[in-house]
Each structure stands twice: as C-alpha cells, then as structure tokens.
Amino acid sequence: MPRYRLTLEYDGAPFVGWQRQDNGASVQGALEDAIEKLSGERVTVTGAGRTDAGVHALGQVAHFDLDKIFEAGKVRDALNHYLRPDPVVVLESSVADGEFHARFSAMARHYLFRILNRRSPPALEEGRVWHVSPRLDAEAMHAAAQLLLGQHDFTTFRAAECQAQSPVKTLDRLDVSRRADEIHIEASARSFLHHQIRSFAGTLKLVGEGKWTPRDVADALAAKDRARCGPVSPPDGLYLVRVDY
C-alpha cells in the first residue's frame, strides 16, 4: 500500500480549519473528497499542522495511503483538478517511505505572521493580513520577542481549549522585522500550542504601540497565566510556511 506525501498551499479564509468538522468545510475534507474522486477510495489525510479557521499555508505537508498505485505527478495534477474551486493547491506529490508521518516525523515548523501597518486598509490583501493603523515599533517588538526564546512553560500564550499534553515548548526563533508597510513575525519550533503564535502577535503588538515594555512580556511569560496574555490576533495574517523533516 503506497503512502503519498503532499506539499500544499491554501487560503484558509473559507474553511473552518485544517481538521474535518461538522460545522463547515475543512481543508482535510476537501482533500479527502478529491482523493476519493481520483481513486474511488475513502481515506484519511494527515497534516503536519492543524491550522485554525482563517489560517493560510504556503507549505503544509500531508500524507495518505491508497490501495491503488498512481504516478506521483498524476496524483498532483488530478487532485488539483478535483479540488477546484476550493482554494487548495497541491504543489508537490511524491511516494514516501511507509514510516513517514506528516505530523510525527516533523522536526520543525515555520510560521509567518503578517501585519499591514499603515493608515489605509488593505484592498488586495483583505483576509490575508492583520491591519493595524498606528505605527508600530518593530525594533521594540523584536527585542521583546527574544525574551520568549528557548524552553518555557507557555501557559500564558496557550488557548484554553488547547489539547497539548504539556504547555512546555521550545521556541527556536521569533523574529520581528519591518518590510515597507508590513511587520513580519517569523516563528520556528518543533511544535506550537493552540493559538500560541496569534497570542505572541497580539502581545507584541502592544509592545509596538508602546503600551507594553519588553519587561511586561517577560513578566507575562513568567506568570504562567492566560489572563496575562495580550489580545489574541485574528487568524488572517498567519501562514504555515514550511515543515522540516
């Protein structure tokens, strides 16, 4: 039974998230429907990250098993055909080793959060950036972000409904930089807690506005108290960029 590995790009706006749910369309469900049209088989697709509603992907990785054998290029092209008009695209398809697992084999996940930092709202990027009008201090945000690096109990930045067994995670990268009218927050770790990056983004925005200092961020982390977190950002600006294996 061959195992197929996919690299995916998608716009998360019309979906309830990656995971199949009863309350609306999901990326996982769209893929499983497309695979059934290709093969006649109903399978379960496993993704590297269970992105939330409205979160996008530039390089999500997934795998599934089929009884039938298809050439990898045909899988890519056929799925892209059957996925229309859903905004999900298969960038790459390959036959993987049977031991490969999109979620558990991952060594690192890389995310980007985009803040459009200008007075005027977006016209072309609506739903793909978080629009913040007041001028943000990217250097102050970056300085605060460095206090979050390393292994910590991230309870403060964890959603109440998070299902992770432990709030302890190791954050390898959290860089903040200005790119013209945008602020980019780039985060890397082996895994993240539910809403962790969006919690970082909302908290760092307070620093960028001058309402919090980097010391306030360190104190919030040390408190291990969800009530000490800044406001959670909307999902619009968050992208799963790449998964390393």
Protein backbone atom coordinates (compact mmCIF):
# COMPACT_ATOMS: atom_id res chain seq x y z
CA MET A 1 0.00 0.00 0.00
CA PRO A 2 1.80 3.16 -1.16
CA ARG A 3 1.98 6.25 1.06
CA TYR A 4 1.73 9.58 -0.74
CA ARG A 5 3.25 12.80 0.56
CA LEU A 6 1.82 16.16 -0.48
CA THR A 7 3.02 19.74 -0.10
CA LEU A 8 0.06 22.10 -0.10
CA GLU A 9 -0.77 25.77 -0.47
CA TYR A 10 -4.16 27.08 0.59
CA ASP A 11 -6.21 30.11 1.53
CA GLY A 12 -7.73 29.36 4.90
CA ALA A 13 -10.45 32.01 4.74
CA PRO A 14 -13.36 29.80 3.55
CA PHE A 15 -12.51 26.88 5.84
CA VAL A 16 -13.25 26.04 9.48
CA GLY A 17 -9.59 24.97 9.66
CA TRP A 18 -7.48 22.03 8.58
CA GLN A 19 -9.37 19.44 10.58
CA ARG A 20 -12.59 17.89 9.34
CA GLN A 21 -15.54 19.17 11.39
CA ASP A 22 -19.33 19.07 11.32
CA ASN A 23 -19.78 22.84 11.27
CA GLY A 24 -18.33 23.64 7.84
CA ALA A 25 -15.86 22.91 5.08
CA SER A 26 -12.29 21.95 6.03
CA VAL A 27 -9.03 21.62 4.11
CA GLN A 28 -8.75 17.99 5.19
CA GLY A 29 -12.27 17.27 3.97
CA ALA A 30 -11.67 18.94 0.61
CA LEU A 31 -8.56 16.81 0.07
CA GLU A 32 -10.28 13.59 1.10
CA ASP A 33 -13.15 14.30 -1.29
CA ALA A 34 -10.68 14.95 -4.12
CA ILE A 35 -8.75 11.75 -3.38
CA GLU A 36 -11.98 9.75 -3.45
CA LYS A 37 -12.82 11.18 -6.87
CA LEU A 38 -9.36 10.17 -8.10
CA SER A 39 -9.15 6.69 -6.61
CA GLY A 40 -12.61 5.62 -5.51
CA GLU A 41 -11.18 5.12 -2.02
CA ARG A 42 -12.20 6.99 1.14
CA VAL A 43 -9.04 7.75 3.08
CA THR A 44 -7.91 9.88 6.00
CA VAL A 45 -5.38 12.62 5.20
CA THR A 46 -2.96 13.55 7.99
CA GLY A 47 -1.46 17.04 8.06
CA ALA A 48 1.70 18.35 9.69
CA GLY A 49 -0.22 21.14 11.40
CA ARG A 50 -3.89 21.55 12.27
CA THR A 51 -4.23 25.15 11.14
CA ASP A 52 -7.18 27.10 12.57
CA ALA A 53 -10.04 28.70 10.68
CA GLY A 54 -8.72 31.53 8.52
CA VAL A 55 -5.07 30.47 8.77
CA HIS A 56 -3.25 30.03 5.45
CA ALA A 57 -0.49 27.71 4.25
CA LEU A 58 2.38 28.11 1.82
CA GLY A 59 3.93 24.73 2.57
CA GLN A 60 1.63 22.47 4.58
CA VAL A 61 2.66 18.79 4.37
CA ALA A 62 0.23 15.88 4.45
CA HIS A 63 0.19 12.14 3.80
CA PHE A 64 -2.33 9.43 2.98
CA ASP A 65 -2.33 5.76 1.98
CA LEU A 66 -4.03 4.18 -1.03
CA ASP A 67 -4.55 0.62 -2.18
CA LYS A 68 -4.07 1.69 -5.79
CA ILE A 69 -0.73 2.83 -7.21
CA PHE A 70 -0.59 6.11 -9.09
CA GLU A 71 2.33 8.03 -10.56
CA ALA A 72 3.12 10.92 -8.20
CA GLY A 73 2.72 13.58 -10.88
CA LYS A 74 -0.72 12.23 -11.77
CA VAL A 75 -1.76 12.45 -8.11
CA ARG A 76 -0.73 16.12 -8.02
CA ASP A 77 -2.47 17.05 -11.27
CA ALA A 78 -5.63 15.05 -10.62
CA LEU A 79 -6.06 16.40 -7.11
CA ASN A 80 -5.60 19.95 -8.37
CA HIS A 81 -8.35 19.28 -10.91
CA TYR A 82 -10.77 17.81 -8.36
CA LEU A 83 -10.02 20.42 -5.70
CA ARG A 84 -11.45 23.22 -7.86
CA PRO A 85 -12.95 25.65 -6.98
CA ASP A 86 -11.64 25.30 -3.41
CA PRO A 87 -8.53 27.47 -2.85
CA VAL A 88 -6.28 24.47 -2.17
CA VAL A 89 -3.38 23.53 -4.44
CA VAL A 90 -1.02 20.54 -4.39
CA LEU A 91 2.46 21.94 -5.06
CA GLU A 92 4.31 18.63 -4.86
CA SER A 93 3.41 14.96 -4.66
CA SER A 94 5.73 12.02 -4.02
CA VAL A 95 5.65 8.41 -2.87
CA ALA A 96 7.01 8.34 0.68
CA ASP A 97 8.52 5.66 2.85
CA GLY A 98 5.92 3.78 4.86
CA GLU A 99 7.46 5.11 8.06
CA PHE A 100 6.93 8.74 7.05
CA HIS A 101 4.31 10.58 9.08
CA ALA A 102 3.42 14.18 8.21
CA ARG A 103 2.82 15.12 11.83
CA PHE A 104 5.09 12.94 13.96
CA SER A 105 8.11 12.89 11.62
CA ALA A 106 8.31 16.70 11.54
CA MET A 107 11.44 18.24 13.09
CA ALA A 108 10.45 21.91 12.77
CA ARG A 109 7.54 24.07 11.73
CA HIS A 110 7.99 27.59 10.41
CA TYR A 111 5.28 30.25 10.50
CA LEU A 112 4.94 33.81 9.26
CA PHE A 113 2.56 36.41 10.67
CA ARG A 114 1.94 39.49 8.51
CA ILE A 115 0.74 42.80 9.94
CA LEU A 116 -0.18 45.50 7.45
CA ASN A 117 0.95 48.61 9.33
CA ARG A 118 -0.43 51.65 7.54
CA ARG A 119 -3.33 54.05 7.85
CA SER A 120 -5.29 52.71 4.85
CA PRO A 121 -6.89 49.26 4.99
CA PRO A 122 -5.96 46.53 2.50
CA ALA A 123 -7.68 46.32 -0.86
CA LEU A 124 -5.91 43.32 -2.42
CA GLU A 125 -4.81 41.58 0.80
CA GLU A 126 -8.09 41.63 2.72
CA GLY A 127 -8.24 38.44 4.80
CA ARG A 128 -4.52 37.78 4.32
CA VAL A 129 -3.01 40.36 6.71
CA TRP A 130 -3.85 41.85 10.09
CA HIS A 131 -4.43 45.55 9.52
CA VAL A 132 -3.07 47.75 12.32
CA SER A 133 -3.22 51.51 11.72
CA PRO A 134 -0.96 53.01 14.46
CA ARG A 135 2.75 52.98 13.61
CA LEU A 136 4.42 50.00 15.31
CA ASP A 137 7.99 49.95 16.62
CA ALA A 138 9.35 46.75 15.04
CA GLU A 139 12.67 47.01 16.89
CA ALA A 140 10.94 47.10 20.28
CA MET A 141 8.76 44.17 19.24
CA HIS A 142 11.82 42.17 18.20
CA ALA A 143 13.60 42.91 21.49
CA ALA A 144 10.57 41.68 23.44
CA ALA A 145 10.26 38.60 21.24
CA GLN A 146 13.79 37.49 22.12
CA LEU A 147 12.73 37.10 25.76
CA LEU A 148 10.40 34.29 24.67
CA LEU A 149 13.08 32.15 23.02
CA GLY A 150 14.10 28.81 24.47
CA GLN A 151 12.22 26.27 26.54
CA HIS A 152 9.43 27.67 28.70
CA ASP A 153 6.05 26.92 30.17
CA PHE A 154 3.95 28.89 27.67
CA THR A 155 0.65 28.63 29.58
CA THR A 156 0.17 32.41 29.22
CA PHE A 157 0.20 32.09 25.43
CA ARG A 158 -1.89 28.92 25.22
CA ALA A 159 -5.57 28.77 24.26
CA ALA A 160 -7.88 27.48 26.99
CA GLU A 161 -9.07 24.68 24.66
CA CYS A 162 -5.51 23.59 23.75
CA GLN A 163 -5.23 19.79 23.79
CA ALA A 164 -1.43 19.54 24.09
CA GLN A 165 -0.35 17.34 27.00
CA SER A 166 2.15 19.92 28.26
CA PRO A 167 2.46 23.72 27.98
CA VAL A 168 6.25 23.38 27.87
CA LYS A 169 7.65 24.06 24.39
CA THR A 170 11.00 25.12 22.94
CA LEU A 171 10.81 28.22 20.75
CA ASP A 172 13.76 28.33 18.34
CA ARG A 173 13.03 31.58 16.52
CA LEU A 174 10.80 34.60 16.95
CA ASP A 175 12.00 37.46 14.75
CA VAL A 176 10.18 40.72 14.10
CA SER A 177 11.12 42.98 11.20
CA ARG A 178 9.63 45.78 9.13
CA ARG A 179 9.19 45.23 5.38
CA ALA A 180 7.93 48.57 3.97
CA ASP A 181 4.31 48.80 5.18
CA GLU A 182 4.35 45.36 6.76
CA ILE A 183 5.59 43.95 10.06
CA HIS A 184 6.67 40.31 9.74
CA ILE A 185 6.79 37.97 12.72
CA GLU A 186 8.66 34.75 11.89
CA ALA A 187 8.41 31.84 14.33
CA SER A 188 10.08 28.42 14.32
CA ALA A 189 9.76 25.47 16.69
CA ARG A 190 9.29 21.74 16.55
CA SER A 191 5.68 22.27 17.60
CA PHE A 192 3.39 25.00 18.89
CA LEU A 193 0.48 25.27 21.29
CA HIS A 194 -3.01 26.19 20.12
CA HIS A 195 -3.13 29.95 19.38
CA GLN A 196 0.48 30.36 20.56
CA ILE A 197 1.66 32.43 17.58
CA ARG A 198 -1.52 34.52 17.47
CA SER A 199 -1.06 35.16 21.19
CA PHE A 200 2.53 36.24 20.54
CA ALA A 201 1.39 38.56 17.75
CA GLY A 202 -1.29 40.25 19.85
CA THR A 203 1.08 40.69 22.78
CA LEU A 204 3.94 42.03 20.65
CA LYS A 205 1.54 44.50 19.04
CA LEU A 206 1.11 46.06 22.49
CA VAL A 207 4.88 46.48 22.67
CA GLY A 208 4.95 48.00 19.19
CA GLU A 209 2.30 50.53 20.25
CA GLY A 210 4.28 51.47 23.35
CA LYS A 211 1.58 50.14 25.69
CA TRP A 212 3.83 47.32 26.98
CA THR A 213 7.58 47.10 27.53
CA PRO A 214 9.70 44.03 26.86
CA ARG A 215 9.76 43.57 30.65
CA ASP A 216 5.96 43.28 30.63
CA VAL A 217 6.23 40.43 28.12
CA ALA A 218 8.79 38.62 30.28
CA ASP A 219 6.57 39.06 33.34
CA ALA A 220 3.54 37.71 31.43
CA LEU A 221 5.52 34.63 30.40
CA ALA A 222 6.70 34.04 33.97
CA ALA A 223 3.16 34.37 35.33
CA LYS A 224 2.01 31.19 33.53
CA ASP A 225 -1.46 32.73 33.49
CA ARG A 226 -3.63 33.00 30.38
CA ALA A 227 -5.20 36.17 31.77
CA ARG A 228 -1.81 37.90 31.50
CA CYS A 229 -1.64 37.44 27.70
CA GLY A 230 -2.25 40.32 25.33
CA PRO A 231 -5.26 40.14 22.98
CA VAL A 232 -5.12 37.20 20.57
CA SER A 233 -4.67 38.40 16.99
CA PRO A 234 -7.11 37.46 14.22
CA PRO A 235 -6.04 34.49 12.07
CA ASP A 236 -5.87 36.46 8.81
CA GLY A 237 -2.13 37.18 8.85
CA LEU A 238 -0.89 33.73 9.86
CA TYR A 239 0.79 31.36 7.38
CA LEU A 240 2.32 27.91 7.79
CA VAL A 241 5.37 28.47 5.60
CA ARG A 242 7.38 25.27 5.76
CA VAL A 243 7.78 21.97 7.64
CA ASP A 244 11.21 20.37 8.07
CA TYR A 245 11.80 16.62 8.30
